[in-house]
Amino acid sequence: MRCPAGQQVALAMPAQRTALRMYVNGRLAMAQGRPGRSAAEAQPAIGQRAVLTDTFACPLRITVHISSYEHRAGGFVRPPIAGPLEVLAPDFKQRLALDTILLGAYRC
């Protein structure tokens, strides 16, 4: 991701129902479930879980290892959102609260 050198950027990963590991600049930034080479090896995320990463220095080299064998149950359908941590954090907390409310409503 191209951004001004030296700028610090965080990533907000919306909840995904899949197995993935996301690396930023060669460092593990977040993991969800356990990706595998086959459906038998992969273990998708059990529940909805959104993640807000630490900040990383620009430019960002983002690599995602994903195994979407559970695509019908969700899959990797929402992209991560990049921005300054102070901008992403309030929105992240609001989305997390809304997702929790909606998830509870769907299960009733």
PDB file of N, CA and C in Angstrom:
ATOM      1  N   MET A   1       0.851  -1.163   0.000  1.00  0.00           N
ATOM      2  CA  MET A   1       0.000   0.000   0.000  1.00  0.00           C
ATOM      3  C   MET A   1       0.897   1.225   0.000  1.00  0.00           C
ATOM      4  N   ARG A   2       0.654   2.083  -0.922  1.00  0.00           N
ATOM      5  CA  ARG A   2       1.439   3.309  -1.010  1.00  0.00           C
ATOM      6  C   ARG A   2       0.861   4.348  -0.059  1.00  0.00           C
ATOM      7  N   CYS A   3       1.714   4.844   0.792  1.00  0.00           N
ATOM      8  CA  CYS A   3       1.366   5.943   1.682  1.00  0.00           C
ATOM      9  C   CYS A   3       2.669   6.682   1.966  1.00  0.00           C
ATOM     10  N   PRO A   4       2.594   7.924   2.433  1.00  0.00           N
ATOM     11  CA  PRO A   4       3.815   8.710   2.634  1.00  0.00           C
ATOM     12  C   PRO A   4       4.807   8.020   3.572  1.00  0.00           C
ATOM     13  N   ALA A   5       6.053   7.927   3.154  1.00  0.00           N
ATOM     14  CA  ALA A   5       7.095   7.282   3.962  1.00  0.00           C
ATOM     15  C   ALA A   5       7.150   7.911   5.340  1.00  0.00           C
ATOM     16  N   GLY A   6       7.228   7.055   6.351  1.00  0.00           N
ATOM     17  CA  GLY A   6       7.299   7.516   7.727  1.00  0.00           C
ATOM     18  C   GLY A   6       5.957   7.670   8.413  1.00  0.00           C
ATOM     19  N   GLN A   7       4.873   7.784   7.638  1.00  0.00           N
ATOM     20  CA  GLN A   7       3.541   7.888   8.240  1.00  0.00           C
ATOM     21  C   GLN A   7       3.196   6.561   8.908  1.00  0.00           C
ATOM     22  N   GLN A   8       2.491   6.614  10.020  1.00  0.00           N
ATOM     23  CA  GLN A   8       2.071   5.416  10.741  1.00  0.00           C
ATOM     24  C   GLN A   8       0.612   5.120  10.395  1.00  0.00           C
ATOM     25  N   VAL A   9       0.332   3.874   9.986  1.00  0.00           N
ATOM     26  CA  VAL A   9      -1.014   3.476   9.562  1.00  0.00           C
ATOM     27  C   VAL A   9      -1.395   2.177  10.263  1.00  0.00           C
ATOM     28  N   ALA A  10      -2.635   2.108  10.700  1.00  0.00           N
ATOM     29  CA  ALA A  10      -3.188   0.885  11.287  1.00  0.00           C
ATOM     30  C   ALA A  10      -4.179   0.285  10.297  1.00  0.00           C
ATOM     31  N   LEU A  11      -4.528  -0.977  10.510  1.00  0.00           N
ATOM     32  CA  LEU A  11      -5.523  -1.644   9.665  1.00  0.00           C
ATOM     33  C   LEU A  11      -6.670  -2.134  10.540  1.00  0.00           C
ATOM     34  N   ALA A  12      -7.879  -1.893  10.088  1.00  0.00           N
ATOM     35  CA  ALA A  12      -9.068  -2.428  10.740  1.00  0.00           C
ATOM     36  C   ALA A  12      -9.594  -3.538   9.843  1.00  0.00           C
ATOM     37  N   MET A  13      -9.606  -4.757  10.362  1.00  0.00           N
ATOM     38  CA  MET A  13     -10.095  -5.907   9.604  1.00  0.00           C
ATOM     39  C   MET A  13     -11.504  -6.230  10.067  1.00  0.00           C
ATOM     40  N   PRO A  14     -12.489  -6.044   9.192  1.00  0.00           N
ATOM     41  CA  PRO A  14     -13.853  -6.418   9.557  1.00  0.00           C
ATOM     42  C   PRO A  14     -13.933  -7.917   9.832  1.00  0.00           C
ATOM     43  N   ALA A  15     -14.951  -8.319  10.554  1.00  0.00           N
ATOM     44  CA  ALA A  15     -15.135  -9.735  10.868  1.00  0.00           C
ATOM     45  C   ALA A  15     -15.240 -10.548   9.584  1.00  0.00           C
ATOM     46  N   GLN A  16     -14.547 -11.653   9.545  1.00  0.00           N
ATOM     47  CA  GLN A  16     -14.557 -12.561   8.399  1.00  0.00           C
ATOM     48  C   GLN A  16     -14.810 -13.968   8.933  1.00  0.00           C
ATOM     49  N   ARG A  17     -15.533 -14.768   8.214  1.00  0.00           N
ATOM     50  CA  ARG A  17     -15.720 -16.168   8.585  1.00  0.00           C
ATOM     51  C   ARG A  17     -14.835 -17.021   7.703  1.00  0.00           C
ATOM     52  N   THR A  18     -13.566 -16.994   8.005  1.00  0.00           N
ATOM     53  CA  THR A  18     -12.598 -17.744   7.229  1.00  0.00           C
ATOM     54  C   THR A  18     -11.357 -17.954   8.071  1.00  0.00           C
ATOM     55  N   ALA A  19     -10.360 -18.572   7.490  1.00  0.00           N
ATOM     56  CA  ALA A  19      -9.079 -18.758   8.167  1.00  0.00           C
ATOM     57  C   ALA A  19      -8.045 -17.919   7.438  1.00  0.00           C
ATOM     58  N   LEU A  20      -7.384 -17.018   8.159  1.00  0.00           N
ATOM     59  CA  LEU A  20      -6.392 -16.176   7.505  1.00  0.00           C
ATOM     60  C   LEU A  20      -5.331 -15.714   8.482  1.00  0.00           C
ATOM     61  N   ARG A  21      -4.200 -15.373   7.920  1.00  0.00           N
ATOM     62  CA  ARG A  21      -3.115 -14.700   8.632  1.00  0.00           C
ATOM     63  C   ARG A  21      -2.717 -13.508   7.771  1.00  0.00           C
ATOM     64  N   MET A  22      -2.610 -12.356   8.396  1.00  0.00           N
ATOM     65  CA  MET A  22      -2.228 -11.150   7.670  1.00  0.00           C
ATOM     66  C   MET A  22      -0.880 -10.661   8.194  1.00  0.00           C
ATOM     67  N   TYR A  23       0.051 -10.470   7.258  1.00  0.00           N
ATOM     68  CA  TYR A  23       1.378  -9.962   7.581  1.00  0.00           C
ATOM     69  C   TYR A  23       1.512  -8.560   7.001  1.00  0.00           C
ATOM     70  N   VAL A  24       2.087  -7.667   7.772  1.00  0.00           N
ATOM     71  CA  VAL A  24       2.367  -6.315   7.298  1.00  0.00           C
ATOM     72  C   VAL A  24       3.856  -6.067   7.483  1.00  0.00           C
ATOM     73  N   ASN A  25       4.510  -5.741   6.387  1.00  0.00           N
ATOM     74  CA  ASN A  25       5.964  -5.516   6.379  1.00  0.00           C
ATOM     75  C   ASN A  25       6.710  -6.691   7.009  1.00  0.00           C
ATOM     76  N   GLY A  26       6.244  -7.907   6.714  1.00  0.00           N
ATOM     77  CA  GLY A  26       6.907  -9.119   7.179  1.00  0.00           C
ATOM     78  C   GLY A  26       6.580  -9.536   8.600  1.00  0.00           C
ATOM     79  N   ARG A  27       5.719  -8.804   9.285  1.00  0.00           N
ATOM     80  CA  ARG A  27       5.373  -9.106  10.673  1.00  0.00           C
ATOM     81  C   ARG A  27       3.906  -9.524  10.765  1.00  0.00           C
ATOM     82  N   LEU A  28       3.618 -10.571  11.533  1.00  0.00           N
ATOM     83  CA  LEU A  28       2.234 -11.017  11.702  1.00  0.00           C
ATOM     84  C   LEU A  28       1.434  -9.906  12.360  1.00  0.00           C
ATOM     85  N   ALA A  29       0.395  -9.431  11.674  1.00  0.00           N
ATOM     86  CA  ALA A  29      -0.441  -8.339  12.183  1.00  0.00           C
ATOM     87  C   ALA A  29      -1.716  -8.856  12.806  1.00  0.00           C
ATOM     88  N   MET A  30      -2.259  -9.951  12.262  1.00  0.00           N
ATOM     89  CA  MET A  30      -3.473 -10.539  12.828  1.00  0.00           C
ATOM     90  C   MET A  30      -3.679 -11.927  12.278  1.00  0.00           C
ATOM     91  N   ALA A  31      -4.373 -12.739  13.049  1.00  0.00           N
ATOM     92  CA  ALA A  31      -4.701 -14.097  12.622  1.00  0.00           C
ATOM     93  C   ALA A  31      -6.141 -14.373  13.005  1.00  0.00           C
ATOM     94  N   GLN A  32      -6.788 -15.150  12.190  1.00  0.00           N
ATOM     95  CA  GLN A  32      -8.180 -15.512  12.420  1.00  0.00           C
ATOM     96  C   GLN A  32      -8.350 -16.949  11.965  1.00  0.00           C
ATOM     97  N   GLY A  33      -8.711 -17.827  12.881  1.00  0.00           N
ATOM     98  CA  GLY A  33      -8.762 -19.238  12.527  1.00  0.00           C
ATOM     99  C   GLY A  33      -7.358 -19.744  12.246  1.00  0.00           C
ATOM    100  N   ARG A  34      -7.265 -20.849  11.512  1.00  0.00           N
ATOM    101  CA  ARG A  34      -5.964 -21.404  11.134  1.00  0.00           C
ATOM    102  C   ARG A  34      -6.016 -21.821   9.672  1.00  0.00           C
ATOM    103  N   PRO A  35      -5.336 -21.079   8.776  1.00  0.00           N
ATOM    104  CA  PRO A  35      -5.341 -21.461   7.371  1.00  0.00           C
ATOM    105  C   PRO A  35      -4.661 -22.816   7.165  1.00  0.00           C
ATOM    106  N   GLY A  36      -5.083 -23.534   6.137  1.00  0.00           N
ATOM    107  CA  GLY A  36      -4.480 -24.821   5.821  1.00  0.00           C
ATOM    108  C   GLY A  36      -4.473 -25.064   4.332  1.00  0.00           C
ATOM    109  N   ARG A  37      -3.752 -26.091   3.921  1.00  0.00           N
ATOM    110  CA  ARG A  37      -3.641 -26.417   2.494  1.00  0.00           C
ATOM    111  C   ARG A  37      -4.849 -27.185   1.980  1.00  0.00           C
ATOM    112  N   SER A  38      -5.672 -27.691   2.889  1.00  0.00           N
ATOM    113  CA  SER A  38      -6.883 -28.412   2.491  1.00  0.00           C
ATOM    114  C   SER A  38      -7.990 -28.079   3.491  1.00  0.00           C
ATOM    115  N   ALA A  39      -9.211 -28.432   3.142  1.00  0.00           N
ATOM    116  CA  ALA A  39     -10.337 -28.183   4.044  1.00  0.00           C
ATOM    117  C   ALA A  39     -10.150 -28.929   5.360  1.00  0.00           C
ATOM    118  N   ALA A  40      -9.513 -30.096   5.308  1.00  0.00           N
ATOM    119  CA  ALA A  40      -9.285 -30.878   6.524  1.00  0.00           C
ATOM    120  C   ALA A  40      -8.269 -30.199   7.449  1.00  0.00           C
ATOM    121  N   GLU A  41      -7.288 -29.501   6.881  1.00  0.00           N
ATOM    122  CA  GLU A  41      -6.258 -28.833   7.677  1.00  0.00           C
ATOM    123  C   GLU A  41      -6.696 -27.462   8.176  1.00  0.00           C
ATOM    124  N   ALA A  42      -7.544 -26.787   7.424  1.00  0.00           N
ATOM    125  CA  ALA A  42      -7.946 -25.423   7.765  1.00  0.00           C
ATOM    126  C   ALA A  42      -8.967 -25.428   8.897  1.00  0.00           C
ATOM    127  N   GLN A  43      -8.867 -24.411   9.726  1.00  0.00           N
ATOM    128  CA  GLN A  43      -9.847 -24.241  10.802  1.00  0.00           C
ATOM    129  C   GLN A  43     -10.332 -22.796  10.730  1.00  0.00           C
ATOM    130  N   PRO A  44     -11.548 -22.582  10.194  1.00  0.00           N
ATOM    131  CA  PRO A  44     -12.039 -21.210  10.048  1.00  0.00           C
ATOM    132  C   PRO A  44     -12.346 -20.590  11.402  1.00  0.00           C
ATOM    133  N   ALA A  45     -12.449 -19.284  11.409  1.00  0.00           N
ATOM    134  CA  ALA A  45     -12.834 -18.573  12.617  1.00  0.00           C
ATOM    135  C   ALA A  45     -14.223 -19.034  13.025  1.00  0.00           C
ATOM    136  N   ILE A  46     -14.393 -19.294  14.298  1.00  0.00           N
ATOM    137  CA  ILE A  46     -15.670 -19.825  14.778  1.00  0.00           C
ATOM    138  C   ILE A  46     -16.730 -18.743  14.817  1.00  0.00           C
ATOM    139  N   GLY A  47     -16.388 -17.571  15.301  1.00  0.00           N
ATOM    140  CA  GLY A  47     -17.369 -16.497  15.404  1.00  0.00           C
ATOM    141  C   GLY A  47     -16.894 -15.250  14.694  1.00  0.00           C
ATOM    142  N   GLN A  48     -17.762 -14.284  14.617  1.00  0.00           N
ATOM    143  CA  GLN A  48     -17.414 -13.006  14.022  1.00  0.00           C
ATOM    144  C   GLN A  48     -16.452 -12.293  14.959  1.00  0.00           C
ATOM    145  N   ARG A  49     -15.330 -11.806  14.420  1.00  0.00           N
ATOM    146  CA  ARG A  49     -14.357 -11.104  15.244  1.00  0.00           C
ATOM    147  C   ARG A  49     -13.664 -10.056  14.396  1.00  0.00           C
ATOM    148  N   ALA A  50     -13.819  -8.821  14.775  1.00  0.00           N
ATOM    149  CA  ALA A  50     -13.144  -7.740  14.071  1.00  0.00           C
ATOM    150  C   ALA A  50     -11.827  -7.450  14.791  1.00  0.00           C
ATOM    151  N   VAL A  51     -10.828  -6.976  14.056  1.00  0.00           N
ATOM    152  CA  VAL A  51      -9.500  -6.738  14.625  1.00  0.00           C
ATOM    153  C   VAL A  51      -8.993  -5.369  14.194  1.00  0.00           C
ATOM    154  N   LEU A  52      -8.391  -4.660  15.136  1.00  0.00           N
ATOM    155  CA  LEU A  52      -7.701  -3.405  14.854  1.00  0.00           C
ATOM    156  C   LEU A  52      -6.229  -3.649  15.159  1.00  0.00           C
ATOM    157  N   THR A  53      -5.366  -3.498  14.154  1.00  0.00           N
ATOM    158  CA  THR A  53      -3.940  -3.817  14.322  1.00  0.00           C
ATOM    159  C   THR A  53      -3.185  -2.658  14.978  1.00  0.00           C
ATOM    160  N   ASP A  54      -1.931  -2.941  15.324  1.00  0.00           N
ATOM    161  CA  ASP A  54      -1.002  -1.889  15.728  1.00  0.00           C
ATOM    162  C   ASP A  54      -0.712  -1.031  14.503  1.00  0.00           C
ATOM    163  N   THR A  55       0.032   0.038  14.696  1.00  0.00           N
ATOM    164  CA  THR A  55       0.411   0.877  13.555  1.00  0.00           C
ATOM    165  C   THR A  55       1.695   0.350  12.917  1.00  0.00           C
ATOM    166  N   PHE A  56       1.839   0.632  11.635  1.00  0.00           N
ATOM    167  CA  PHE A  56       3.001   0.222  10.853  1.00  0.00           C
ATOM    168  C   PHE A  56       3.493   1.418  10.066  1.00  0.00           C
ATOM    169  N   ALA A  57       4.810   1.460   9.839  1.00  0.00           N
ATOM    170  CA  ALA A  57       5.408   2.556   9.073  1.00  0.00           C
ATOM    171  C   ALA A  57       5.170   2.346   7.581  1.00  0.00           C
ATOM    172  N   CYS A  58       4.805   3.414   6.904  1.00  0.00           N
ATOM    173  CA  CYS A  58       4.579   3.374   5.459  1.00  0.00           C
ATOM    174  C   CYS A  58       5.899   3.302   4.722  1.00  0.00           C
ATOM    175  N   PRO A  59       5.878   2.755   3.510  1.00  0.00           N
ATOM    176  CA  PRO A  59       4.780   2.078   2.816  1.00  0.00           C
ATOM    177  C   PRO A  59       4.546   0.689   3.413  1.00  0.00           C
ATOM    178  N   LEU A  60       3.329   0.163   3.213  1.00  0.00           N
ATOM    179  CA  LEU A  60       2.963  -1.138   3.766  1.00  0.00           C
ATOM    180  C   LEU A  60       3.028  -2.220   2.697  1.00  0.00           C
ATOM    181  N   ARG A  61       3.652  -3.320   3.040  1.00  0.00           N
ATOM    182  CA  ARG A  61       3.630  -4.512   2.190  1.00  0.00           C
ATOM    183  C   ARG A  61       2.722  -5.507   2.909  1.00  0.00           C
ATOM    184  N   ILE A  62       1.535  -5.715   2.380  1.00  0.00           N
ATOM    185  CA  ILE A  62       0.524  -6.550   3.027  1.00  0.00           C
ATOM    186  C   ILE A  62       0.451  -7.893   2.317  1.00  0.00           C
ATOM    187  N   THR A  63       0.569  -8.964   3.085  1.00  0.00           N
ATOM    188  CA  THR A  63       0.469 -10.324   2.566  1.00  0.00           C
ATOM    189  C   THR A  63      -0.584 -11.050   3.389  1.00  0.00           C
ATOM    190  N   VAL A  64      -1.519 -11.699   2.715  1.00  0.00           N
ATOM    191  CA  VAL A  64      -2.575 -12.441   3.419  1.00  0.00           C
ATOM    192  C   VAL A  64      -2.524 -13.897   2.990  1.00  0.00           C
ATOM    193  N   HIS A  65      -2.373 -14.788   3.967  1.00  0.00           N
ATOM    194  CA  HIS A  65      -2.498 -16.226   3.733  1.00  0.00           C
ATOM    195  C   HIS A  65      -3.921 -16.573   4.116  1.00  0.00           C
ATOM    196  N   ILE A  66      -4.669 -17.110   3.164  1.00  0.00           N
ATOM    197  CA  ILE A  66      -6.089 -17.358   3.399  1.00  0.00           C
ATOM    198  C   ILE A  66      -6.477 -18.721   2.864  1.00  0.00           C
ATOM    199  N   SER A  67      -7.354 -19.387   3.571  1.00  0.00           N
ATOM    200  CA  SER A  67      -7.965 -20.608   3.038  1.00  0.00           C
ATOM    201  C   SER A  67      -9.456 -20.490   3.295  1.00  0.00           C
ATOM    202  N   SER A  68     -10.181 -20.219   2.248  1.00  0.00           N
ATOM    203  CA  SER A  68     -11.624 -19.960   2.328  1.00  0.00           C
ATOM    204  C   SER A  68     -12.429 -21.199   1.964  1.00  0.00           C
ATOM    205  N   TYR A  69     -12.152 -22.298   2.614  1.00  0.00           N
ATOM    206  CA  TYR A  69     -12.924 -23.510   2.352  1.00  0.00           C
ATOM    207  C   TYR A  69     -14.336 -23.388   2.910  1.00  0.00           C
ATOM    208  N   GLU A  70     -14.549 -22.439   3.814  1.00  0.00           N
ATOM    209  CA  GLU A  70     -15.863 -22.208   4.402  1.00  0.00           C
ATOM    210  C   GLU A  70     -16.524 -20.993   3.752  1.00  0.00           C
ATOM    211  N   HIS A  71     -16.287 -20.804   2.467  1.00  0.00           N
ATOM    212  CA  HIS A  71     -16.776 -19.602   1.798  1.00  0.00           C
ATOM    213  C   HIS A  71     -18.291 -19.443   1.895  1.00  0.00           C
ATOM    214  N   ARG A  72     -19.031 -20.528   1.827  1.00  0.00           N
ATOM    215  CA  ARG A  72     -20.495 -20.414   1.902  1.00  0.00           C
ATOM    216  C   ARG A  72     -20.963 -19.915   3.263  1.00  0.00           C
ATOM    217  N   ALA A  73     -20.139 -20.116   4.271  1.00  0.00           N
ATOM    218  CA  ALA A  73     -20.465 -19.610   5.606  1.00  0.00           C
ATOM    219  C   ALA A  73     -19.906 -18.202   5.804  1.00  0.00           C
ATOM    220  N   GLY A  74     -19.356 -17.600   4.782  1.00  0.00           N
ATOM    221  CA  GLY A  74     -18.811 -16.251   4.891  1.00  0.00           C
ATOM    222  C   GLY A  74     -17.687 -16.018   3.932  1.00  0.00           C
ATOM    223  N   GLY A  75     -16.493 -16.471   4.289  1.00  0.00           N
ATOM    224  CA  GLY A  75     -15.339 -16.255   3.432  1.00  0.00           C
ATOM    225  C   GLY A  75     -14.754 -14.872   3.616  1.00  0.00           C
ATOM    226  N   PHE A  76     -13.772 -14.542   2.806  1.00  0.00           N
ATOM    227  CA  PHE A  76     -13.110 -13.234   2.849  1.00  0.00           C
ATOM    228  C   PHE A  76     -13.896 -12.298   1.957  1.00  0.00           C
ATOM    229  N   VAL A  77     -14.834 -11.570   2.540  1.00  0.00           N
ATOM    230  CA  VAL A  77     -15.737 -10.759   1.728  1.00  0.00           C
ATOM    231  C   VAL A  77     -15.616  -9.262   1.971  1.00  0.00           C
ATOM    232  N   ARG A  78     -14.961  -8.862   3.056  1.00  0.00           N
ATOM    233  CA  ARG A  78     -14.812  -7.434   3.341  1.00  0.00           C
ATOM    234  C   ARG A  78     -13.324  -7.071   3.402  1.00  0.00           C
ATOM    235  N   PRO A  79     -12.946  -6.003   2.735  1.00  0.00           N
ATOM    236  CA  PRO A  79     -11.522  -5.628   2.726  1.00  0.00           C
ATOM    237  C   PRO A  79     -11.119  -4.935   4.025  1.00  0.00           C
ATOM    238  N   PRO A  80      -9.828  -4.987   4.365  1.00  0.00           N
ATOM    239  CA  PRO A  80      -9.358  -4.218   5.517  1.00  0.00           C
ATOM    240  C   PRO A  80      -9.408  -2.723   5.200  1.00  0.00           C
ATOM    241  N   ILE A  81      -9.495  -1.912   6.232  1.00  0.00           N
ATOM    242  CA  ILE A  81      -9.532  -0.456   6.083  1.00  0.00           C
ATOM    243  C   ILE A  81      -8.253   0.086   6.706  1.00  0.00           C
ATOM    244  N   ALA A  82      -7.551   0.943   5.996  1.00  0.00           N
ATOM    245  CA  ALA A  82      -6.291   1.510   6.484  1.00  0.00           C
ATOM    246  C   ALA A  82      -6.478   2.975   6.832  1.00  0.00           C
ATOM    247  N   GLY A  83      -5.768   3.410   7.877  1.00  0.00           N
ATOM    248  CA  GLY A  83      -5.813   4.810   8.260  1.00  0.00           C
ATOM    249  C   GLY A  83      -5.086   5.043   9.565  1.00  0.00           C
ATOM    250  N   PRO A  84      -5.030   6.289   9.998  1.00  0.00           N
ATOM    251  CA  PRO A  84      -4.404   6.602  11.280  1.00  0.00           C
ATOM    252  C   PRO A  84      -5.192   5.937  12.424  1.00  0.00           C
ATOM    253  N   LEU A  85      -4.480   5.439  13.417  1.00  0.00           N
ATOM    254  CA  LEU A  85      -5.114   4.737  14.531  1.00  0.00           C
ATOM    255  C   LEU A  85      -6.155   5.603  15.229  1.00  0.00           C
ATOM    256  N   GLU A  86      -5.859   6.882  15.409  1.00  0.00           N
ATOM    257  CA  GLU A  86      -6.805   7.769  16.111  1.00  0.00           C
ATOM    258  C   GLU A  86      -8.102   7.979  15.326  1.00  0.00           C
ATOM    259  N   VAL A  87      -8.072   7.739  14.034  1.00  0.00           N
ATOM    260  CA  VAL A  87      -9.288   7.838  13.211  1.00  0.00           C
ATOM    261  C   VAL A  87     -10.033   6.499  13.202  1.00  0.00           C
ATOM    262  N   LEU A  88      -9.292   5.397  13.106  1.00  0.00           N
ATOM    263  CA  LEU A  88      -9.922   4.078  13.018  1.00  0.00           C
ATOM    264  C   LEU A  88     -10.503   3.590  14.340  1.00  0.00           C
ATOM    265  N   ALA A  89      -9.873   3.915  15.461  1.00  0.00           N
ATOM    266  CA  ALA A  89     -10.280   3.362  16.760  1.00  0.00           C
ATOM    267  C   ALA A  89     -11.731   3.677  17.136  1.00  0.00           C
ATOM    268  N   PRO A  90     -12.187   4.937  17.073  1.00  0.00           N
ATOM    269  CA  PRO A  90     -13.586   5.203  17.438  1.00  0.00           C
ATOM    270  C   PRO A  90     -14.582   4.490  16.519  1.00  0.00           C
ATOM    271  N   ASP A  91     -14.302   4.487  15.212  1.00  0.00           N
ATOM    272  CA  ASP A  91     -15.182   3.809  14.253  1.00  0.00           C
ATOM    273  C   ASP A  91     -15.178   2.308  14.507  1.00  0.00           C
ATOM    274  N   PHE A  92     -14.014   1.736  14.838  1.00  0.00           N
ATOM    275  CA  PHE A  92     -13.890   0.319  15.122  1.00  0.00           C
ATOM    276  C   PHE A  92     -14.750  -0.065  16.327  1.00  0.00           C
ATOM    277  N   LYS A  93     -14.685   0.717  17.388  1.00  0.00           N
ATOM    278  CA  LYS A  93     -15.480   0.433  18.590  1.00  0.00           C
ATOM    279  C   LYS A  93     -16.973   0.507  18.287  1.00  0.00           C
ATOM    280  N   GLN A  94     -17.375   1.468  17.480  1.00  0.00           N
ATOM    281  CA  GLN A  94     -18.786   1.614  17.120  1.00  0.00           C
ATOM    282  C   GLN A  94     -19.251   0.423  16.278  1.00  0.00           C
ATOM    283  N   ARG A  95     -18.437   0.004  15.310  1.00  0.00           N
ATOM    284  CA  ARG A  95     -18.794  -1.154  14.475  1.00  0.00           C
ATOM    285  C   ARG A  95     -18.863  -2.427  15.295  1.00  0.00           C
ATOM    286  N   LEU A  96     -17.925  -2.582  16.234  1.00  0.00           N
ATOM    287  CA  LEU A  96     -17.907  -3.762  17.084  1.00  0.00           C
ATOM    288  C   LEU A  96     -19.179  -3.845  17.914  1.00  0.00           C
ATOM    289  N   ALA A  97     -19.602  -2.718  18.474  1.00  0.00           N
ATOM    290  CA  ALA A  97     -20.838  -2.689  19.259  1.00  0.00           C
ATOM    291  C   ALA A  97     -22.037  -3.021  18.372  1.00  0.00           C
ATOM    292  N   LEU A  98     -22.111  -2.440  17.186  1.00  0.00           N
ATOM    293  CA  LEU A  98     -23.221  -2.701  16.278  1.00  0.00           C
ATOM    294  C   LEU A  98     -23.231  -4.161  15.820  1.00  0.00           C
ATOM    295  N   ASP A  99     -22.065  -4.698  15.466  1.00  0.00           N
ATOM    296  CA  ASP A  99     -21.988  -6.108  15.050  1.00  0.00           C
ATOM    297  C   ASP A  99     -22.443  -7.040  16.172  1.00  0.00           C
ATOM    298  N   THR A 100     -22.083  -6.722  17.418  1.00  0.00           N
ATOM    299  CA  THR A 100     -22.485  -7.546  18.558  1.00  0.00           C
ATOM    300  C   THR A 100     -23.994  -7.518  18.735  1.00  0.00           C
ATOM    301  N   ILE A 101     -24.578  -6.340  18.602  1.00  0.00           N
ATOM    302  CA  ILE A 101     -26.040  -6.207  18.718  1.00  0.00           C
ATOM    303  C   ILE A 101     -26.736  -6.988  17.607  1.00  0.00           C
ATOM    304  N   LEU A 102     -26.248  -6.820  16.371  1.00  0.00           N
ATOM    305  CA  LEU A 102     -26.866  -7.517  15.235  1.00  0.00           C
ATOM    306  C   LEU A 102     -26.721  -9.030  15.352  1.00  0.00           C
ATOM    307  N   LEU A 103     -25.550  -9.492  15.785  1.00  0.00           N
ATOM    308  CA  LEU A 103     -25.338 -10.915  15.942  1.00  0.00           C
ATOM    309  C   LEU A 103     -26.292 -11.495  16.989  1.00  0.00           C
ATOM    310  N   GLY A 104     -26.482 -10.772  18.085  1.00  0.00           N
ATOM    311  CA  GLY A 104     -27.435 -11.205  19.112  1.00  0.00           C
ATOM    312  C   GLY A 104     -28.868 -11.231  18.581  1.00  0.00           C
ATOM    313  N   ALA A 105     -29.225 -10.259  17.767  1.00  0.00           N
ATOM    314  CA  ALA A 105     -30.577 -10.209  17.206  1.00  0.00           C
ATOM    315  C   ALA A 105     -30.818 -11.358  16.236  1.00  0.00           C
ATOM    316  N   TYR A 106     -29.808 -11.716  15.450  1.00  0.00           N
ATOM    317  CA  TYR A 106     -29.966 -12.807  14.487  1.00  0.00           C
ATOM    318  C   TYR A 106     -30.118 -14.154  15.169  1.00  0.00           C
ATOM    319  N   ARG A 107     -29.503 -14.316  16.325  1.00  0.00           N
ATOM    320  CA  ARG A 107     -29.540 -15.600  17.016  1.00  0.00           C
ATOM    321  C   ARG A 107     -30.807 -15.787  17.830  1.00  0.00           C
ATOM    322  N   CYS A 108     -31.561 -14.735  18.036  1.00  0.00           N
ATOM    323  CA  CYS A 108     -32.803 -14.857  18.824  1.00  0.00           C
ATOM    324  C   CYS A 108     -33.925 -15.485  18.041  1.00  0.00           C
TER     325      CYS A 108
END
